[in-house]
Amino acid sequence: KVAGGREASSPGSAVDCVWRRLPQILRWIEQPWPRLVAIPQDFVTAYPRRNKQNLDPEGGLATIEALFIAAAFLKNWDLSLLKEYHFGPAFLEANGKTFEKYRLGPA
């Protein structure tokens, strides 16, 4: 069991959107919903993002990065999630201290 008394093997899902669109997207998803959580903002992406003004936007993660972090919080440190992600090693390196801060890592 993990936080909230849930089994570590409970399925998870991700909604890939900006937060301001979440209410609209949730209207399309059948209820009841699982508990909604956000990943702490001190995790950083390794994905080189650009917006229309060619600026690197602040905040946000690649979906695979968010799924990896969520799995880690559920006590499932699964490096296979990052196996095909080109920026996986850079993501792990950039967030090493943050994973340590939350005591996340291999068992």
Foldseek 3Di string as FASTA:
>chain_A
DAPPPDQLPDDDDDDPDDPVCVVVVVVVDDDDDDDDDDDDQVQDEQDQDADPVRDRDPTDYDPLLRVCVVNQNSVHNDCVSCVPPPCSVVSCVRCVVVCVVVVTDHD
